Each structure stands twice: as structure tokens, then as C-alpha cells.
Amino acid sequence: MLYTPANKEDFEACSNGKGSGPGKDMRLDFGKGYSSSRWNRLILKRIYNDIMATHNEQGGWGLPDVSEGYLMGELAGQLKRSQKAWNLVQPHFLTENEMERPEQVAR
């Protein structure tokens, strides 16, 4: 509920191929098309790279090796679960011109 999504201007520039991407910003975008956005793919790839670097530095953690595709799929699944949880506490339209009030969202 308190999550602040990625900066909209930076996200849109990245999506249009004009921006440099998230840089050090690890805030995901949970808007429409979040699962296929370039911004989120870049962040998930950075998380994957960080996991693999730590995994290799620390001797493998006693876990079996799995493919990049498998780990990226797990990260994509977590992204989907996180977006779903975030979306549940966002205001939604009640009618064409009326949004939920904060107390309605809380319920």
C-alpha cells in the first residue's frame, strides 16, 4: 500500500527507448503492461545478476544449479505477486466517473 512506483517520466523514457533505464533506481513499475515493460525487465536482470554474483562468491549455497530462464521466471512470478498485492490497495473506479474513497479501498 505504501509502495512508491518508479518515476513515471523516467519509466516512459526507458519504455520509448530514449532513457538510460532505471540506473540505480530499483523501484518497479506496477502500471498497465508491467509484466513486459523494458524498465522491469532491466531491474529483474540486475537482480538476477546480483543473485548470481553473490551465489558464486559464497560458494553456491549448497543449491543445485538452475538455468537463467528458471531464475528469471521465479523473479517474474514475484513481480506478478507484488503487483497484484499493490493493486489490491489502489483506488478503483466504482462507476465511470467515481473512484473509491480511501476507506472503501481499506475495506
PDB file of N, CA and C in Angstrom:
ATOM      1  N   MET A   1       0.823  -1.184   0.000  1.00  0.00           N
ATOM      2  CA  MET A   1       0.000   0.000   0.000  1.00  0.00           C
ATOM      3  C   MET A   1       0.867   1.249   0.000  1.00  0.00           C
ATOM      4  N   LEU A   2       2.003   1.215   0.671  1.00  0.00           N
ATOM      5  CA  LEU A   2       2.854   2.386   0.781  1.00  0.00           C
ATOM      6  C   LEU A   2       3.939   2.412  -0.293  1.00  0.00           C
ATOM      7  N   TYR A   3       3.963   1.421  -1.164  1.00  0.00           N
ATOM      8  CA  TYR A   3       4.983   1.342  -2.196  1.00  0.00           C
ATOM      9  C   TYR A   3       4.871   2.522  -3.157  1.00  0.00           C
ATOM     10  N   THR A   4       5.987   3.133  -3.472  1.00  0.00           N
ATOM     11  CA  THR A   4       6.031   4.214  -4.448  1.00  0.00           C
ATOM     12  C   THR A   4       6.624   3.658  -5.727  1.00  0.00           C
ATOM     13  N   PRO A   5       5.834   3.597  -6.797  1.00  0.00           N
ATOM     14  CA  PRO A   5       6.347   3.059  -8.054  1.00  0.00           C
ATOM     15  C   PRO A   5       7.445   3.938  -8.655  1.00  0.00           C
ATOM     16  N   ALA A   6       8.057   3.426  -9.685  1.00  0.00           N
ATOM     17  CA  ALA A   6       9.120   4.134 -10.391  1.00  0.00           C
ATOM     18  C   ALA A   6       8.643   5.487 -10.888  1.00  0.00           C
ATOM     19  N   ASN A   7       9.597   6.407 -11.036  1.00  0.00           N
ATOM     20  CA  ASN A   7       9.304   7.731 -11.570  1.00  0.00           C
ATOM     21  C   ASN A   7       8.710   7.587 -12.969  1.00  0.00           C
ATOM     22  N   LYS A   8       7.522   8.156 -13.155  1.00  0.00           N
ATOM     23  CA  LYS A   8       6.775   7.968 -14.395  1.00  0.00           C
ATOM     24  C   LYS A   8       7.537   8.481 -15.623  1.00  0.00           C
ATOM     25  N   GLU A   9       8.180   9.653 -15.518  1.00  0.00           N
ATOM     26  CA  GLU A   9       8.902  10.219 -16.663  1.00  0.00           C
ATOM     27  C   GLU A   9      10.095   9.337 -17.052  1.00  0.00           C
ATOM     28  N   ASP A  10      10.849   8.890 -16.049  1.00  0.00           N
ATOM     29  CA  ASP A  10      11.999   8.014 -16.322  1.00  0.00           C
ATOM     30  C   ASP A  10      11.535   6.695 -16.930  1.00  0.00           C
ATOM     31  N   PHE A  11      10.448   6.157 -16.375  1.00  0.00           N
ATOM     32  CA  PHE A  11       9.894   4.899 -16.875  1.00  0.00           C
ATOM     33  C   PHE A  11       9.459   5.042 -18.328  1.00  0.00           C
ATOM     34  N   GLU A  12       8.738   6.111 -18.635  1.00  0.00           N
ATOM     35  CA  GLU A  12       8.245   6.301 -20.001  1.00  0.00           C
ATOM     36  C   GLU A  12       9.388   6.509 -20.990  1.00  0.00           C
ATOM     37  N   ALA A  13      10.410   7.262 -20.588  1.00  0.00           N
ATOM     38  CA  ALA A  13      11.571   7.460 -21.458  1.00  0.00           C
ATOM     39  C   ALA A  13      12.243   6.124 -21.744  1.00  0.00           C
ATOM     40  N   CYS A  14      12.403   5.303 -20.724  1.00  0.00           N
ATOM     41  CA  CYS A  14      13.016   3.980 -20.891  1.00  0.00           C
ATOM     42  C   CYS A  14      12.152   3.117 -21.810  1.00  0.00           C
ATOM     43  N   SER A  15      10.849   3.156 -21.617  1.00  0.00           N
ATOM     44  CA  SER A  15       9.931   2.354 -22.425  1.00  0.00           C
ATOM     45  C   SER A  15       9.975   2.750 -23.894  1.00  0.00           C
ATOM     46  N   ASN A  16      10.225   4.043 -24.141  1.00  0.00           N
ATOM     47  CA  ASN A  16      10.289   4.537 -25.515  1.00  0.00           C
ATOM     48  C   ASN A  16      11.690   4.456 -26.100  1.00  0.00           C
ATOM     49  N   GLY A  17      12.615   3.851 -25.361  1.00  0.00           N
ATOM     50  CA  GLY A  17      13.972   3.680 -25.840  1.00  0.00           C
ATOM     51  C   GLY A  17      14.807   4.948 -25.806  1.00  0.00           C
ATOM     52  N   LYS A  18      14.325   5.977 -25.101  1.00  0.00           N
ATOM     53  CA  LYS A  18      15.035   7.255 -25.059  1.00  0.00           C
ATOM     54  C   LYS A  18      15.822   7.439 -23.773  1.00  0.00           C
ATOM     55  N   GLY A  19      15.417   6.790 -22.722  1.00  0.00           N
ATOM     56  CA  GLY A  19      16.092   6.943 -21.443  1.00  0.00           C
ATOM     57  C   GLY A  19      17.161   5.897 -21.246  1.00  0.00           C
ATOM     58  N   SER A  20      17.940   6.097 -20.210  1.00  0.00           N
ATOM     59  CA  SER A  20      19.015   5.158 -19.920  1.00  0.00           C
ATOM     60  C   SER A  20      18.546   3.978 -19.077  1.00  0.00           C
ATOM     61  N   GLY A  21      17.306   3.986 -18.687  1.00  0.00           N
ATOM     62  CA  GLY A  21      16.796   2.895 -17.867  1.00  0.00           C
ATOM     63  C   GLY A  21      16.774   3.261 -16.405  1.00  0.00           C
ATOM     64  N   PRO A  22      16.570   2.275 -15.556  1.00  0.00           N
ATOM     65  CA  PRO A  22      16.397   2.553 -14.132  1.00  0.00           C
ATOM     66  C   PRO A  22      17.644   3.059 -13.414  1.00  0.00           C
ATOM     67  N   GLY A  23      18.825   2.868 -13.989  1.00  0.00           N
ATOM     68  CA  GLY A  23      20.030   3.279 -13.277  1.00  0.00           C
ATOM     69  C   GLY A  23      20.098   2.560 -11.938  1.00  0.00           C
ATOM     70  N   LYS A  24      20.276   3.312 -10.855  1.00  0.00           N
ATOM     71  CA  LYS A  24      20.326   2.708  -9.515  1.00  0.00           C
ATOM     72  C   LYS A  24      18.943   2.572  -8.890  1.00  0.00           C
ATOM     73  N   ASP A  25      17.931   3.095  -9.565  1.00  0.00           N
ATOM     74  CA  ASP A  25      16.555   3.046  -9.066  1.00  0.00           C
ATOM     75  C   ASP A  25      16.029   1.618  -9.196  1.00  0.00           C
ATOM     76  N   MET A  26      15.705   1.003  -8.079  1.00  0.00           N
ATOM     77  CA  MET A  26      15.199  -0.371  -8.104  1.00  0.00           C
ATOM     78  C   MET A  26      13.680  -0.423  -7.924  1.00  0.00           C
ATOM     79  N   ARG A  27      13.023   0.731  -8.020  1.00  0.00           N
ATOM     80  CA  ARG A  27      11.571   0.741  -7.888  1.00  0.00           C
ATOM     81  C   ARG A  27      10.939   0.223  -9.172  1.00  0.00           C
ATOM     82  N   LEU A  28      10.120  -0.776  -9.028  1.00  0.00           N
ATOM     83  CA  LEU A  28       9.443  -1.374 -10.166  1.00  0.00           C
ATOM     84  C   LEU A  28       8.257  -0.520 -10.580  1.00  0.00           C
ATOM     85  N   ASP A  29       7.790  -0.753 -11.792  1.00  0.00           N
ATOM     86  CA  ASP A  29       6.571  -0.099 -12.246  1.00  0.00           C
ATOM     87  C   ASP A  29       5.461  -1.137 -12.232  1.00  0.00           C
ATOM     88  N   PHE A  30       4.351  -0.794 -11.599  1.00  0.00           N
ATOM     89  CA  PHE A  30       3.231  -1.724 -11.496  1.00  0.00           C
ATOM     90  C   PHE A  30       2.053  -1.319 -12.369  1.00  0.00           C
ATOM     91  N   GLY A  31       2.261  -0.374 -13.281  1.00  0.00           N
ATOM     92  CA  GLY A  31       1.188   0.084 -14.162  1.00  0.00           C
ATOM     93  C   GLY A  31       0.841  -0.944 -15.229  1.00  0.00           C
ATOM     94  N   LYS A  32      -0.072  -0.550 -16.095  1.00  0.00           N
ATOM     95  CA  LYS A  32      -0.508  -1.417 -17.182  1.00  0.00           C
ATOM     96  C   LYS A  32       0.700  -1.846 -18.015  1.00  0.00           C
ATOM     97  N   GLY A  33       0.787  -3.096 -18.335  1.00  0.00           N
ATOM     98  CA  GLY A  33       1.892  -3.628 -19.112  1.00  0.00           C
ATOM     99  C   GLY A  33       3.150  -3.875 -18.300  1.00  0.00           C
ATOM    100  N   TYR A  34       3.016  -3.875 -16.975  1.00  0.00           N
ATOM    101  CA  TYR A  34       4.171  -4.022 -16.081  1.00  0.00           C
ATOM    102  C   TYR A  34       4.970  -5.296 -16.361  1.00  0.00           C
ATOM    103  N   SER A  35       4.288  -6.376 -16.730  1.00  0.00           N
ATOM    104  CA  SER A  35       4.977  -7.665 -16.860  1.00  0.00           C
ATOM    105  C   SER A  35       5.900  -7.732 -18.069  1.00  0.00           C
ATOM    106  N   SER A  36       5.687  -6.868 -19.045  1.00  0.00           N
ATOM    107  CA  SER A  36       6.538  -6.903 -20.230  1.00  0.00           C
ATOM    108  C   SER A  36       7.315  -5.602 -20.439  1.00  0.00           C
ATOM    109  N   SER A  37       7.296  -4.733 -19.436  1.00  0.00           N
ATOM    110  CA  SER A  37       7.966  -3.439 -19.616  1.00  0.00           C
ATOM    111  C   SER A  37       9.481  -3.591 -19.628  1.00  0.00           C
ATOM    112  N   ARG A  38      10.121  -2.799 -20.451  1.00  0.00           N
ATOM    113  CA  ARG A  38      11.585  -2.803 -20.531  1.00  0.00           C
ATOM    114  C   ARG A  38      12.180  -2.437 -19.178  1.00  0.00           C
ATOM    115  N   TRP A  39      11.601  -1.457 -18.515  1.00  0.00           N
ATOM    116  CA  TRP A  39      12.057  -0.995 -17.198  1.00  0.00           C
ATOM    117  C   TRP A  39      12.140  -2.164 -16.224  1.00  0.00           C
ATOM    118  N   ASN A  40      11.040  -2.901 -16.081  1.00  0.00           N
ATOM    119  CA  ASN A  40      11.016  -4.017 -15.138  1.00  0.00           C
ATOM    120  C   ASN A  40      11.950  -5.144 -15.565  1.00  0.00           C
ATOM    121  N   ARG A  41      12.054  -5.397 -16.864  1.00  0.00           N
ATOM    122  CA  ARG A  41      12.985  -6.439 -17.341  1.00  0.00           C
ATOM    123  C   ARG A  41      14.421  -6.090 -16.971  1.00  0.00           C
ATOM    124  N   LEU A  42      14.785  -4.805 -17.101  1.00  0.00           N
ATOM    125  CA  LEU A  42      16.144  -4.381 -16.733  1.00  0.00           C
ATOM    126  C   LEU A  42      16.399  -4.568 -15.239  1.00  0.00           C
ATOM    127  N   ILE A  43      15.406  -4.251 -14.420  1.00  0.00           N
ATOM    128  CA  ILE A  43      15.565  -4.418 -12.970  1.00  0.00           C
ATOM    129  C   ILE A  43      15.650  -5.900 -12.610  1.00  0.00           C
ATOM    130  N   LEU A  44      14.789  -6.724 -13.196  1.00  0.00           N
ATOM    131  CA  LEU A  44      14.839  -8.160 -12.901  1.00  0.00           C
ATOM    132  C   LEU A  44      16.174  -8.762 -13.329  1.00  0.00           C
ATOM    133  N   LYS A  45      16.709  -8.305 -14.453  1.00  0.00           N
ATOM    134  CA  LYS A  45      18.016  -8.800 -14.908  1.00  0.00           C
ATOM    135  C   LYS A  45      19.108  -8.378 -13.935  1.00  0.00           C
ATOM    136  N   ARG A  46      19.021  -7.157 -13.398  1.00  0.00           N
ATOM    137  CA  ARG A  46      20.009  -6.718 -12.414  1.00  0.00           C
ATOM    138  C   ARG A  46      19.898  -7.550 -11.144  1.00  0.00           C
ATOM    139  N   ILE A  47      18.686  -7.850 -10.707  1.00  0.00           N
ATOM    140  CA  ILE A  47      18.505  -8.695  -9.520  1.00  0.00           C
ATOM    141  C   ILE A  47      19.102 -10.083  -9.787  1.00  0.00           C
ATOM    142  N   TYR A  48      18.839 -10.619 -10.967  1.00  0.00           N
ATOM    143  CA  TYR A  48      19.411 -11.920 -11.338  1.00  0.00           C
ATOM    144  C   TYR A  48      20.935 -11.871 -11.266  1.00  0.00           C
ATOM    145  N   ASN A  49      21.527 -10.848 -11.866  1.00  0.00           N
ATOM    146  CA  ASN A  49      22.993 -10.717 -11.863  1.00  0.00           C
ATOM    147  C   ASN A  49      23.546 -10.605 -10.444  1.00  0.00           C
ATOM    148  N   ASP A  50      22.851  -9.850  -9.586  1.00  0.00           N
ATOM    149  CA  ASP A  50      23.278  -9.722  -8.187  1.00  0.00           C
ATOM    150  C   ASP A  50      23.199 -11.061  -7.462  1.00  0.00           C
ATOM    151  N   ILE A  51      22.121 -11.796  -7.693  1.00  0.00           N
ATOM    152  CA  ILE A  51      21.965 -13.116  -7.069  1.00  0.00           C
ATOM    153  C   ILE A  51      23.097 -14.041  -7.518  1.00  0.00           C
ATOM    154  N   MET A  52      23.366 -14.065  -8.807  1.00  0.00           N
ATOM    155  CA  MET A  52      24.394 -14.967  -9.334  1.00  0.00           C
ATOM    156  C   MET A  52      25.782 -14.575  -8.838  1.00  0.00           C
ATOM    157  N   ALA A  53      26.060 -13.289  -8.760  1.00  0.00           N
ATOM    158  CA  ALA A  53      27.371 -12.857  -8.265  1.00  0.00           C
ATOM    159  C   ALA A  53      27.554 -13.275  -6.810  1.00  0.00           C
ATOM    160  N   THR A  54      26.535 -13.058  -6.003  1.00  0.00           N
ATOM    161  CA  THR A  54      26.604 -13.446  -4.591  1.00  0.00           C
ATOM    162  C   THR A  54      26.690 -14.966  -4.462  1.00  0.00           C
ATOM    163  N   HIS A  55      25.905 -15.667  -5.245  1.00  0.00           N
ATOM    164  CA  HIS A  55      25.911 -17.133  -5.259  1.00  0.00           C
ATOM    165  C   HIS A  55      27.313 -17.660  -5.558  1.00  0.00           C
ATOM    166  N   ASN A  56      27.945 -17.099  -6.561  1.00  0.00           N
ATOM    167  CA  ASN A  56      29.284 -17.547  -6.946  1.00  0.00           C
ATOM    168  C   ASN A  56      30.334 -17.163  -5.902  1.00  0.00           C
ATOM    169  N   GLU A  57      30.222 -15.970  -5.333  1.00  0.00           N
ATOM    170  CA  GLU A  57      31.175 -15.517  -4.314  1.00  0.00           C
ATOM    171  C   GLU A  57      31.096 -16.373  -3.048  1.00  0.00           C
ATOM    172  N   GLN A  58      29.900 -16.851  -2.738  1.00  0.00           N
ATOM    173  CA  GLN A  58      29.691 -17.581  -1.495  1.00  0.00           C
ATOM    174  C   GLN A  58      29.675 -19.094  -1.683  1.00  0.00           C
ATOM    175  N   GLY A  59      30.173 -19.552  -2.797  1.00  0.00           N
ATOM    176  CA  GLY A  59      30.357 -20.985  -2.982  1.00  0.00           C
ATOM    177  C   GLY A  59      29.125 -21.775  -3.351  1.00  0.00           C
ATOM    178  N   GLY A  60      28.101 -21.144  -3.817  1.00  0.00           N
ATOM    179  CA  GLY A  60      26.949 -21.871  -4.350  1.00  0.00           C
ATOM    180  C   GLY A  60      25.821 -22.153  -3.386  1.00  0.00           C
ATOM    181  N   TRP A  61      26.007 -21.888  -2.114  1.00  0.00           N
ATOM    182  CA  TRP A  61      24.955 -22.065  -1.096  1.00  0.00           C
ATOM    183  C   TRP A  61      24.467 -23.506  -0.962  1.00  0.00           C
ATOM    184  N   GLY A  62      25.150 -24.445  -1.549  1.00  0.00           N
ATOM    185  CA  GLY A  62      24.721 -25.842  -1.469  1.00  0.00           C
ATOM    186  C   GLY A  62      23.455 -26.127  -2.249  1.00  0.00           C
ATOM    187  N   LEU A  63      23.145 -25.280  -3.217  1.00  0.00           N
ATOM    188  CA  LEU A  63      21.938 -25.460  -4.025  1.00  0.00           C
ATOM    189  C   LEU A  63      22.310 -25.972  -5.402  1.00  0.00           C
ATOM    190  N   PRO A  64      21.409 -26.697  -6.045  1.00  0.00           N
ATOM    191  CA  PRO A  64      21.708 -27.168  -7.401  1.00  0.00           C
ATOM    192  C   PRO A  64      21.719 -25.988  -8.383  1.00  0.00           C
ATOM    193  N   ASP A  65      22.490 -26.123  -9.438  1.00  0.00           N
ATOM    194  CA  ASP A  65      22.499 -25.102 -10.483  1.00  0.00           C
ATOM    195  C   ASP A  65      21.191 -25.176 -11.257  1.00  0.00           C
ATOM    196  N   VAL A  66      20.639 -24.012 -11.560  1.00  0.00           N
ATOM    197  CA  VAL A  66      19.429 -23.928 -12.382  1.00  0.00           C
ATOM    198  C   VAL A  66      19.710 -22.922 -13.493  1.00  0.00           C
ATOM    199  N   SER A  67      18.880 -22.959 -14.515  1.00  0.00           N
ATOM    200  CA  SER A  67      19.103 -22.089 -15.672  1.00  0.00           C
ATOM    201  C   SER A  67      18.717 -20.646 -15.365  1.00  0.00           C
ATOM    202  N   GLU A  68      19.258 -19.766 -16.186  1.00  0.00           N
ATOM    203  CA  GLU A  68      18.875 -18.352 -16.087  1.00  0.00           C
ATOM    204  C   GLU A  68      17.369 -18.201 -16.311  1.00  0.00           C
ATOM    205  N   GLY A  69      16.841 -18.946 -17.268  1.00  0.00           N
ATOM    206  CA  GLY A  69      15.408 -18.896 -17.558  1.00  0.00           C
ATOM    207  C   GLY A  69      14.554 -19.248 -16.346  1.00  0.00           C
ATOM    208  N   TYR A  70      15.007 -20.255 -15.599  1.00  0.00           N
ATOM    209  CA  TYR A  70      14.277 -20.662 -14.409  1.00  0.00           C
ATOM    210  C   TYR A  70      14.258 -19.536 -13.375  1.00  0.00           C
ATOM    211  N   LEU A  71      15.441 -18.966 -13.089  1.00  0.00           N
ATOM    212  CA  LEU A  71      15.502 -17.893 -12.094  1.00  0.00           C
ATOM    213  C   LEU A  71      14.744 -16.649 -12.552  1.00  0.00           C
ATOM    214  N   MET A  72      14.848 -16.314 -13.831  1.00  0.00           N
ATOM    215  CA  MET A  72      14.109 -15.158 -14.342  1.00  0.00           C
ATOM    216  C   MET A  72      12.604 -15.413 -14.245  1.00  0.00           C
ATOM    217  N   GLY A  73      12.191 -16.654 -14.447  1.00  0.00           N
ATOM    218  CA  GLY A  73      10.777 -16.998 -14.288  1.00  0.00           C
ATOM    219  C   GLY A  73      10.311 -16.825 -12.851  1.00  0.00           C
ATOM    220  N   GLU A  74      11.159 -17.208 -11.914  1.00  0.00           N
ATOM    221  CA  GLU A  74      10.833 -17.015 -10.494  1.00  0.00           C
ATOM    222  C   GLU A  74      10.732 -15.529 -10.153  1.00  0.00           C
ATOM    223  N   LEU A  75      11.662 -14.741 -10.691  1.00  0.00           N
ATOM    224  CA  LEU A  75      11.613 -13.293 -10.444  1.00  0.00           C
ATOM    225  C   LEU A  75      10.368 -12.676 -11.076  1.00  0.00           C
ATOM    226  N   ALA A  76      10.008 -13.122 -12.271  1.00  0.00           N
ATOM    227  CA  ALA A  76       8.798 -12.621 -12.928  1.00  0.00           C
ATOM    228  C   ALA A  76       7.557 -12.999 -12.116  1.00  0.00           C
ATOM    229  N   GLY A  77       7.555 -14.189 -11.540  1.00  0.00           N
ATOM    230  CA  GLY A  77       6.437 -14.609 -10.690  1.00  0.00           C
ATOM    231  C   GLY A  77       6.320 -13.731  -9.450  1.00  0.00           C
ATOM    232  N   GLN A  78       7.450 -13.386  -8.864  1.00  0.00           N
ATOM    233  CA  GLN A  78       7.431 -12.495  -7.698  1.00  0.00           C
ATOM    234  C   GLN A  78       6.956 -11.104  -8.097  1.00  0.00           C
ATOM    235  N   LEU A  79       7.374 -10.638  -9.257  1.00  0.00           N
ATOM    236  CA  LEU A  79       6.895  -9.350  -9.761  1.00  0.00           C
ATOM    237  C   LEU A  79       5.374  -9.368  -9.893  1.00  0.00           C
ATOM    238  N   LYS A  80       4.837 -10.434 -10.435  1.00  0.00           N
ATOM    239  CA  LYS A  80       3.383 -10.556 -10.612  1.00  0.00           C
ATOM    240  C   LYS A  80       2.666 -10.563  -9.262  1.00  0.00           C
ATOM    241  N   ARG A  81       3.178 -11.313  -8.303  1.00  0.00           N
ATOM    242  CA  ARG A  81       2.558 -11.352  -6.974  1.00  0.00           C
ATOM    243  C   ARG A  81       2.628  -9.990  -6.279  1.00  0.00           C
ATOM    244  N   SER A  82       3.745  -9.305  -6.451  1.00  0.00           N
ATOM    245  CA  SER A  82       3.905  -7.981  -5.832  1.00  0.00           C
ATOM    246  C   SER A  82       2.955  -6.974  -6.459  1.00  0.00           C
ATOM    247  N   GLN A  83       2.827  -7.007  -7.785  1.00  0.00           N
ATOM    248  CA  GLN A  83       1.912  -6.083  -8.450  1.00  0.00           C
ATOM    249  C   GLN A  83       0.484  -6.349  -8.032  1.00  0.00           C
ATOM    250  N   LYS A  84       0.133  -7.606  -7.903  1.00  0.00           N
ATOM    251  CA  LYS A  84      -1.229  -7.965  -7.505  1.00  0.00           C
ATOM    252  C   LYS A  84      -1.534  -7.459  -6.095  1.00  0.00           C
ATOM    253  N   ALA A  85      -0.593  -7.620  -5.174  1.00  0.00           N
ATOM    254  CA  ALA A  85      -0.778  -7.131  -3.801  1.00  0.00           C
ATOM    255  C   ALA A  85      -0.891  -5.608  -3.781  1.00  0.00           C
ATOM    256  N   TRP A  86      -0.060  -4.932  -4.565  1.00  0.00           N
ATOM    257  CA  TRP A  86      -0.099  -3.466  -4.647  1.00  0.00           C
ATOM    258  C   TRP A  86      -1.419  -3.001  -5.244  1.00  0.00           C
ATOM    259  N   ASN A  87      -1.871  -3.684  -6.292  1.00  0.00           N
ATOM    260  CA  ASN A  87      -3.095  -3.293  -6.984  1.00  0.00           C
ATOM    261  C   ASN A  87      -4.331  -3.430  -6.096  1.00  0.00           C
ATOM    262  N   LEU A  88      -4.315  -4.383  -5.181  1.00  0.00           N
ATOM    263  CA  LEU A  88      -5.475  -4.579  -4.302  1.00  0.00           C
ATOM    264  C   LEU A  88      -5.778  -3.362  -3.443  1.00  0.00           C
ATOM    265  N   VAL A  89      -4.758  -2.580  -3.127  1.00  0.00           N
ATOM    266  CA  VAL A  89      -4.967  -1.433  -2.236  1.00  0.00           C
ATOM    267  C   VAL A  89      -4.921  -0.096  -2.984  1.00  0.00           C
ATOM    268  N   GLN A  90      -5.090  -0.148  -4.307  1.00  0.00           N
ATOM    269  CA  GLN A  90      -5.184   1.071  -5.098  1.00  0.00           C
ATOM    270  C   GLN A  90      -6.660   1.401  -5.331  1.00  0.00           C
ATOM    271  N   PRO A  91      -6.998   2.683  -5.405  1.00  0.00           N
ATOM    272  CA  PRO A  91      -8.394   3.045  -5.696  1.00  0.00           C
ATOM    273  C   PRO A  91      -8.802   2.554  -7.086  1.00  0.00           C
ATOM    274  N   HIS A  92     -10.001   2.062  -7.187  1.00  0.00           N
ATOM    275  CA  HIS A  92     -10.554   1.593  -8.458  1.00  0.00           C
ATOM    276  C   HIS A  92     -11.819   2.386  -8.768  1.00  0.00           C
ATOM    277  N   PHE A  93     -12.216   2.386 -10.031  1.00  0.00           N
ATOM    278  CA  PHE A  93     -13.444   3.058 -10.426  1.00  0.00           C
ATOM    279  C   PHE A  93     -14.649   2.280  -9.916  1.00  0.00           C
ATOM    280  N   LEU A  94     -15.599   3.008  -9.320  1.00  0.00           N
ATOM    281  CA  LEU A  94     -16.874   2.418  -8.917  1.00  0.00           C
ATOM    282  C   LEU A  94     -17.863   2.556 -10.071  1.00  0.00           C
ATOM    283  N   THR A  95     -17.853   3.714 -10.663  1.00  0.00           N
ATOM    284  CA  THR A  95     -18.635   3.997 -11.864  1.00  0.00           C
ATOM    285  C   THR A  95     -17.698   4.710 -12.827  1.00  0.00           C
ATOM    286  N   GLU A  96     -18.226   5.105 -13.944  1.00  0.00           N
ATOM    287  CA  GLU A  96     -17.384   5.759 -14.952  1.00  0.00           C
ATOM    288  C   GLU A  96     -16.710   7.025 -14.426  1.00  0.00           C
ATOM    289  N   ASN A  97     -17.348   7.721 -13.491  1.00  0.00           N
ATOM    290  CA  ASN A  97     -16.813   8.993 -13.004  1.00  0.00           C
ATOM    291  C   ASN A  97     -16.481   9.008 -11.519  1.00  0.00           C
ATOM    292  N   GLU A  98     -16.580   7.872 -10.850  1.00  0.00           N
ATOM    293  CA  GLU A  98     -16.387   7.861  -9.402  1.00  0.00           C
ATOM    294  C   GLU A  98     -15.324   6.846  -8.995  1.00  0.00           C
ATOM    295  N   MET A  99     -14.344   7.339  -8.243  1.00  0.00           N
ATOM    296  CA  MET A  99     -13.279   6.471  -7.723  1.00  0.00           C
ATOM    297  C   MET A  99     -13.603   6.074  -6.285  1.00  0.00           C
ATOM    298  N   GLU A 100     -13.053   4.956  -5.864  1.00  0.00           N
ATOM    299  CA  GLU A 100     -13.177   4.541  -4.471  1.00  0.00           C
ATOM    300  C   GLU A 100     -12.532   5.579  -3.562  1.00  0.00           C
ATOM    301  N   ARG A 101     -13.142   5.773  -2.412  1.00  0.00           N
ATOM    302  CA  ARG A 101     -12.551   6.633  -1.382  1.00  0.00           C
ATOM    303  C   ARG A 101     -11.582   5.780  -0.556  1.00  0.00           C
ATOM    304  N   PRO A 102     -10.643   6.422   0.159  1.00  0.00           N
ATOM    305  CA  PRO A 102      -9.650   5.656   0.916  1.00  0.00           C
ATOM    306  C   PRO A 102     -10.258   4.607   1.867  1.00  0.00           C
ATOM    307  N   GLU A 103     -11.360   4.939   2.525  1.00  0.00           N
ATOM    308  CA  GLU A 103     -11.954   3.969   3.444  1.00  0.00           C
ATOM    309  C   GLU A 103     -12.551   2.775   2.700  1.00  0.00           C
ATOM    310  N   GLN A 104     -12.997   2.996   1.481  1.00  0.00           N
ATOM    311  CA  GLN A 104     -13.511   1.881   0.670  1.00  0.00           C
ATOM    312  C   GLN A 104     -12.364   0.979   0.229  1.00  0.00           C
ATOM    313  N   VAL A 105     -11.250   1.585  -0.135  1.00  0.00           N
ATOM    314  CA  VAL A 105     -10.078   0.803  -0.525  1.00  0.00           C
ATOM    315  C   VAL A 105      -9.605  -0.046   0.645  1.00  0.00           C
ATOM    316  N   ALA A 106      -9.600   0.547   1.838  1.00  0.00           N
ATOM    317  CA  ALA A 106      -9.127  -0.164   3.028  1.00  0.00           C
ATOM    318  C   ALA A 106      -9.990  -1.382   3.325  1.00  0.00           C
ATOM    319  N   ARG A 107     -11.276  -1.271   3.048  1.00  0.00           N
ATOM    320  CA  ARG A 107     -12.176  -2.413   3.287  1.00  0.00           C
ATOM    321  C   ARG A 107     -11.865  -3.519   2.310  1.00  0.00           C
TER     322      ARG A 107
END
